[in-house]
N, C-alpha and C. Protein backbone atom coordinates (compact mmCIF):
# COMPACT_ATOMS: atom_id res chain seq x y z
N UNK A 1 100.00 87.82 119.25
CA UNK A 1 101.20 88.48 118.76
C UNK A 1 101.15 89.97 119.04
N UNK A 2 100.01 90.61 118.87
CA UNK A 2 99.88 92.04 119.14
C UNK A 2 100.24 92.36 120.58
N UNK A 3 100.00 91.42 121.47
CA UNK A 3 100.29 91.66 122.88
C UNK A 3 101.78 91.82 123.13
N UNK A 4 102.61 91.21 122.31
CA UNK A 4 104.06 91.28 122.46
C UNK A 4 104.66 92.48 121.74
N UNK A 5 103.89 93.15 120.92
CA UNK A 5 104.38 94.28 120.15
C UNK A 5 104.28 95.55 120.99
N UNK A 6 105.37 96.28 121.13
CA UNK A 6 105.32 97.53 121.89
C UNK A 6 104.31 98.51 121.27
N UNK A 7 103.69 99.31 122.12
CA UNK A 7 102.67 100.26 121.66
C UNK A 7 103.22 101.19 120.59
N UNK A 8 104.44 101.66 120.75
CA UNK A 8 105.00 102.59 119.77
C UNK A 8 105.17 101.92 118.40
N UNK A 9 105.46 100.63 118.38
CA UNK A 9 105.55 99.91 117.11
C UNK A 9 104.19 99.80 116.44
N UNK A 10 103.16 99.52 117.25
CA UNK A 10 101.80 99.44 116.70
C UNK A 10 101.35 100.80 116.16
N UNK A 11 101.64 101.87 116.89
CA UNK A 11 101.27 103.21 116.44
C UNK A 11 101.98 103.55 115.14
N UNK A 12 103.27 103.26 115.08
CA UNK A 12 104.04 103.55 113.86
C UNK A 12 103.48 102.76 112.67
N UNK A 13 103.13 101.52 112.88
CA UNK A 13 102.57 100.69 111.81
C UNK A 13 101.22 101.23 111.36
N UNK A 14 100.38 101.62 112.30
CA UNK A 14 99.06 102.17 111.96
C UNK A 14 99.20 103.45 111.16
N UNK A 15 100.07 104.34 111.61
CA UNK A 15 100.29 105.60 110.88
C UNK A 15 100.83 105.30 109.49
N UNK A 16 101.81 104.41 109.39
CA UNK A 16 102.39 104.06 108.08
C UNK A 16 101.32 103.51 107.14
N UNK A 17 100.47 102.62 107.64
CA UNK A 17 99.40 102.07 106.80
C UNK A 17 98.44 103.16 106.35
N UNK A 18 98.12 104.09 107.23
CA UNK A 18 97.22 105.19 106.86
C UNK A 18 97.87 106.15 105.87
N UNK A 19 99.16 106.40 106.04
CA UNK A 19 99.89 107.24 105.09
C UNK A 19 99.85 106.60 103.70
N UNK A 20 100.21 105.33 103.65
CA UNK A 20 100.25 104.64 102.35
C UNK A 20 98.86 104.59 101.72
N UNK A 21 97.85 104.27 102.49
CA UNK A 21 96.49 104.19 101.95
C UNK A 21 96.01 105.54 101.42
N UNK A 22 96.23 106.59 102.19
CA UNK A 22 95.80 107.92 101.77
C UNK A 22 96.56 108.36 100.52
N UNK A 23 97.86 108.13 100.51
CA UNK A 23 98.68 108.50 99.36
C UNK A 23 98.26 107.73 98.12
N UNK A 24 98.10 106.43 98.25
CA UNK A 24 97.81 105.60 97.08
C UNK A 24 96.43 105.88 96.49
N UNK A 25 95.50 106.36 97.31
CA UNK A 25 94.17 106.71 96.78
C UNK A 25 94.23 107.91 95.84
N UNK A 26 95.20 108.79 96.05
CA UNK A 26 95.26 110.02 95.26
C UNK A 26 96.47 110.10 94.33
N UNK A 27 97.33 109.12 94.36
CA UNK A 27 98.53 109.20 93.53
C UNK A 27 98.22 108.97 92.06
N UNK A 28 99.11 109.45 91.23
CA UNK A 28 99.04 109.19 89.80
C UNK A 28 100.17 108.23 89.46
N UNK A 29 99.97 107.43 88.45
CA UNK A 29 100.99 106.49 88.04
C UNK A 29 100.69 105.09 88.55
N UNK A 30 101.41 104.14 88.00
CA UNK A 30 101.23 102.74 88.38
C UNK A 30 102.42 102.29 89.24
N UNK A 31 102.15 101.35 90.10
CA UNK A 31 103.20 100.83 90.96
C UNK A 31 103.34 99.32 90.78
N UNK A 32 104.47 98.83 91.16
CA UNK A 32 104.76 97.40 91.13
C UNK A 32 104.01 96.75 92.30
N UNK A 33 103.53 95.52 92.14
CA UNK A 33 102.80 94.85 93.22
C UNK A 33 103.55 94.75 94.55
N UNK A 34 104.86 94.70 94.53
CA UNK A 34 105.64 94.60 95.76
C UNK A 34 105.84 95.96 96.44
N UNK A 35 105.41 97.01 95.78
CA UNK A 35 105.65 98.35 96.30
C UNK A 35 105.02 98.56 97.67
N UNK A 36 103.81 98.06 97.88
CA UNK A 36 103.12 98.32 99.13
C UNK A 36 103.94 97.87 100.34
N UNK A 37 104.42 96.65 100.34
CA UNK A 37 105.18 96.15 101.49
C UNK A 37 106.49 96.91 101.67
N UNK A 38 107.15 97.24 100.58
CA UNK A 38 108.39 98.00 100.65
C UNK A 38 108.13 99.38 101.24
N UNK A 39 107.08 100.04 100.74
CA UNK A 39 106.77 101.38 101.23
C UNK A 39 106.34 101.35 102.69
N UNK A 40 105.55 100.37 103.07
CA UNK A 40 105.14 100.26 104.48
C UNK A 40 106.36 100.07 105.38
N UNK A 41 107.27 99.23 104.96
CA UNK A 41 108.48 99.00 105.76
C UNK A 41 109.29 100.29 105.90
N UNK A 42 109.44 101.02 104.80
CA UNK A 42 110.20 102.28 104.85
C UNK A 42 109.49 103.33 105.70
N UNK A 43 108.18 103.39 105.58
CA UNK A 43 107.43 104.36 106.39
C UNK A 43 107.53 104.03 107.88
N UNK A 44 107.35 102.77 108.23
CA UNK A 44 107.46 102.37 109.64
C UNK A 44 108.86 102.69 110.17
N UNK A 45 109.87 102.37 109.38
CA UNK A 45 111.25 102.61 109.79
C UNK A 45 111.50 104.11 110.03
N UNK A 46 110.91 104.95 109.20
CA UNK A 46 111.10 106.39 109.34
C UNK A 46 110.28 106.99 110.47
N UNK A 47 109.08 106.46 110.66
CA UNK A 47 108.14 107.02 111.64
C UNK A 47 108.44 106.54 113.06
N UNK A 48 108.80 105.28 113.22
CA UNK A 48 108.94 104.66 114.54
C UNK A 48 109.79 105.46 115.53
N UNK A 49 110.96 105.95 115.15
CA UNK A 49 111.78 106.67 116.14
C UNK A 49 111.16 107.99 116.61
N UNK A 50 110.21 108.48 115.86
CA UNK A 50 109.62 109.78 116.19
C UNK A 50 108.32 109.68 116.99
N UNK A 51 107.73 108.51 117.04
CA UNK A 51 106.45 108.33 117.72
C UNK A 51 106.55 108.62 119.21
N UNK A 52 107.60 108.14 119.85
CA UNK A 52 107.75 108.33 121.29
C UNK A 52 107.97 109.79 121.68
N UNK A 53 108.43 110.59 120.76
CA UNK A 53 108.67 112.01 121.05
C UNK A 53 107.38 112.81 121.08
N UNK A 54 106.31 112.22 120.56
CA UNK A 54 104.99 112.87 120.52
C UNK A 54 105.05 114.21 119.80
N UNK A 55 105.81 114.25 118.72
CA UNK A 55 105.91 115.45 117.89
C UNK A 55 105.35 115.15 116.51
N UNK A 56 104.09 115.49 116.28
CA UNK A 56 103.49 115.19 114.98
C UNK A 56 104.27 115.75 113.79
N UNK A 57 104.86 116.94 113.95
CA UNK A 57 105.60 117.53 112.83
C UNK A 57 106.78 116.66 112.40
N UNK A 58 107.43 116.01 113.35
CA UNK A 58 108.54 115.12 113.01
C UNK A 58 108.06 113.89 112.26
N UNK A 59 106.91 113.37 112.65
CA UNK A 59 106.33 112.21 111.97
C UNK A 59 105.93 112.60 110.55
N UNK A 60 105.31 113.75 110.40
CA UNK A 60 104.90 114.24 109.09
C UNK A 60 106.12 114.41 108.18
N UNK A 61 107.16 115.03 108.71
CA UNK A 61 108.38 115.25 107.94
C UNK A 61 109.00 113.92 107.50
N UNK A 62 109.04 112.96 108.40
CA UNK A 62 109.62 111.65 108.08
C UNK A 62 108.81 110.94 107.00
N UNK A 63 107.49 110.95 107.15
CA UNK A 63 106.63 110.28 106.15
C UNK A 63 106.76 110.95 104.80
N UNK A 64 106.76 112.27 104.77
CA UNK A 64 106.88 112.99 103.49
C UNK A 64 108.23 112.76 102.84
N UNK A 65 109.28 112.58 103.62
CA UNK A 65 110.60 112.28 103.06
C UNK A 65 110.59 110.92 102.36
N UNK A 66 109.90 109.96 102.95
CA UNK A 66 109.80 108.63 102.33
C UNK A 66 109.01 108.73 101.02
N UNK A 67 107.91 109.48 101.03
CA UNK A 67 107.12 109.64 99.81
C UNK A 67 107.92 110.35 98.72
N UNK A 68 108.68 111.37 99.08
CA UNK A 68 109.51 112.09 98.10
C UNK A 68 110.59 111.18 97.52
N UNK A 69 111.19 110.35 98.36
CA UNK A 69 112.22 109.43 97.88
C UNK A 69 111.62 108.41 96.91
N UNK A 70 110.40 107.96 97.21
CA UNK A 70 109.72 107.03 96.32
C UNK A 70 109.50 107.67 94.96
N UNK A 71 109.04 108.90 94.96
CA UNK A 71 108.79 109.60 93.70
C UNK A 71 110.07 109.85 92.91
N UNK A 72 111.17 110.08 93.61
CA UNK A 72 112.45 110.25 92.91
C UNK A 72 112.88 108.94 92.26
N UNK A 73 112.61 107.86 92.94
CA UNK A 73 112.99 106.54 92.44
C UNK A 73 112.09 106.11 91.28
N UNK A 74 110.84 106.51 91.31
CA UNK A 74 109.86 106.14 90.29
C UNK A 74 109.19 107.41 89.78
N UNK A 75 109.79 108.06 88.76
CA UNK A 75 109.29 109.35 88.29
C UNK A 75 107.85 109.33 87.76
N UNK A 76 107.29 108.16 87.50
CA UNK A 76 105.92 108.07 87.03
C UNK A 76 104.90 108.18 88.15
N UNK A 77 105.35 108.18 89.38
CA UNK A 77 104.46 108.23 90.54
C UNK A 77 104.50 109.62 91.15
N UNK A 78 103.33 110.18 91.40
CA UNK A 78 103.19 111.48 92.07
C UNK A 78 101.97 111.42 92.97
N UNK A 79 102.04 112.15 94.06
CA UNK A 79 100.89 112.15 94.96
C UNK A 79 100.96 113.27 95.98
N UNK A 80 99.98 113.28 96.87
CA UNK A 80 99.90 114.34 97.88
C UNK A 80 100.94 114.13 98.98
N UNK A 81 100.98 115.06 99.89
CA UNK A 81 101.85 114.96 101.06
C UNK A 81 101.00 114.93 102.32
N UNK A 82 101.60 114.45 103.36
CA UNK A 82 100.92 114.39 104.65
C UNK A 82 100.97 115.80 105.26
N UNK A 83 99.82 116.27 105.71
CA UNK A 83 99.72 117.60 106.31
C UNK A 83 99.49 117.52 107.81
N UNK A 84 98.87 116.43 108.27
CA UNK A 84 98.59 116.28 109.70
C UNK A 84 98.58 114.81 110.06
N UNK A 85 98.83 114.56 111.34
CA UNK A 85 98.80 113.19 111.85
C UNK A 85 98.32 113.21 113.29
N UNK A 86 97.48 112.25 113.60
CA UNK A 86 96.98 112.07 114.96
C UNK A 86 97.77 110.91 115.57
N UNK A 87 98.68 111.23 116.47
CA UNK A 87 99.54 110.20 117.05
C UNK A 87 98.76 109.20 117.90
N UNK A 88 97.64 109.61 118.43
CA UNK A 88 96.85 108.70 119.27
C UNK A 88 96.10 107.68 118.43
N UNK A 89 95.47 108.13 117.35
CA UNK A 89 94.65 107.24 116.54
C UNK A 89 95.25 106.82 115.22
N UNK A 90 96.27 107.54 114.77
CA UNK A 90 96.95 107.20 113.52
C UNK A 90 96.36 107.83 112.28
N UNK A 91 95.31 108.63 112.42
CA UNK A 91 94.70 109.27 111.24
C UNK A 91 95.65 110.29 110.64
N UNK A 92 95.59 110.42 109.31
CA UNK A 92 96.42 111.39 108.61
C UNK A 92 95.56 112.29 107.74
N UNK A 93 96.04 113.50 107.54
CA UNK A 93 95.40 114.45 106.62
C UNK A 93 96.38 114.75 105.50
N UNK A 94 95.85 115.06 104.33
CA UNK A 94 96.69 115.28 103.15
C UNK A 94 96.66 116.72 102.68
N UNK A 95 97.70 117.07 101.93
CA UNK A 95 97.74 118.33 101.18
C UNK A 95 98.29 117.99 99.81
N UNK A 96 97.94 118.77 98.80
CA UNK A 96 98.47 118.48 97.46
C UNK A 96 100.00 118.58 97.45
N UNK A 97 100.60 117.80 96.57
CA UNK A 97 102.08 117.82 96.46
C UNK A 97 102.57 119.13 95.91
């Protein structure tokens, strides 16, 4: 199945998973069990169009917008923001919110 997935989709998914993992390790508050899949879908949707442009700042901005929207929707959740992203490997760096 991975062979049929375009590289940009795989990169977007990897970055989204890393964003969610990094955020959830440092966030405060409790989340609903279905939150992870919903957040991953929203992150991939926001990140995917920006991956091909090779502009890390656009990916960071998109990911942080998704995290901010989540926090607005669930005021009990707070966490850091993405400060850096490696488009080649998908690694992310954090900064405090």
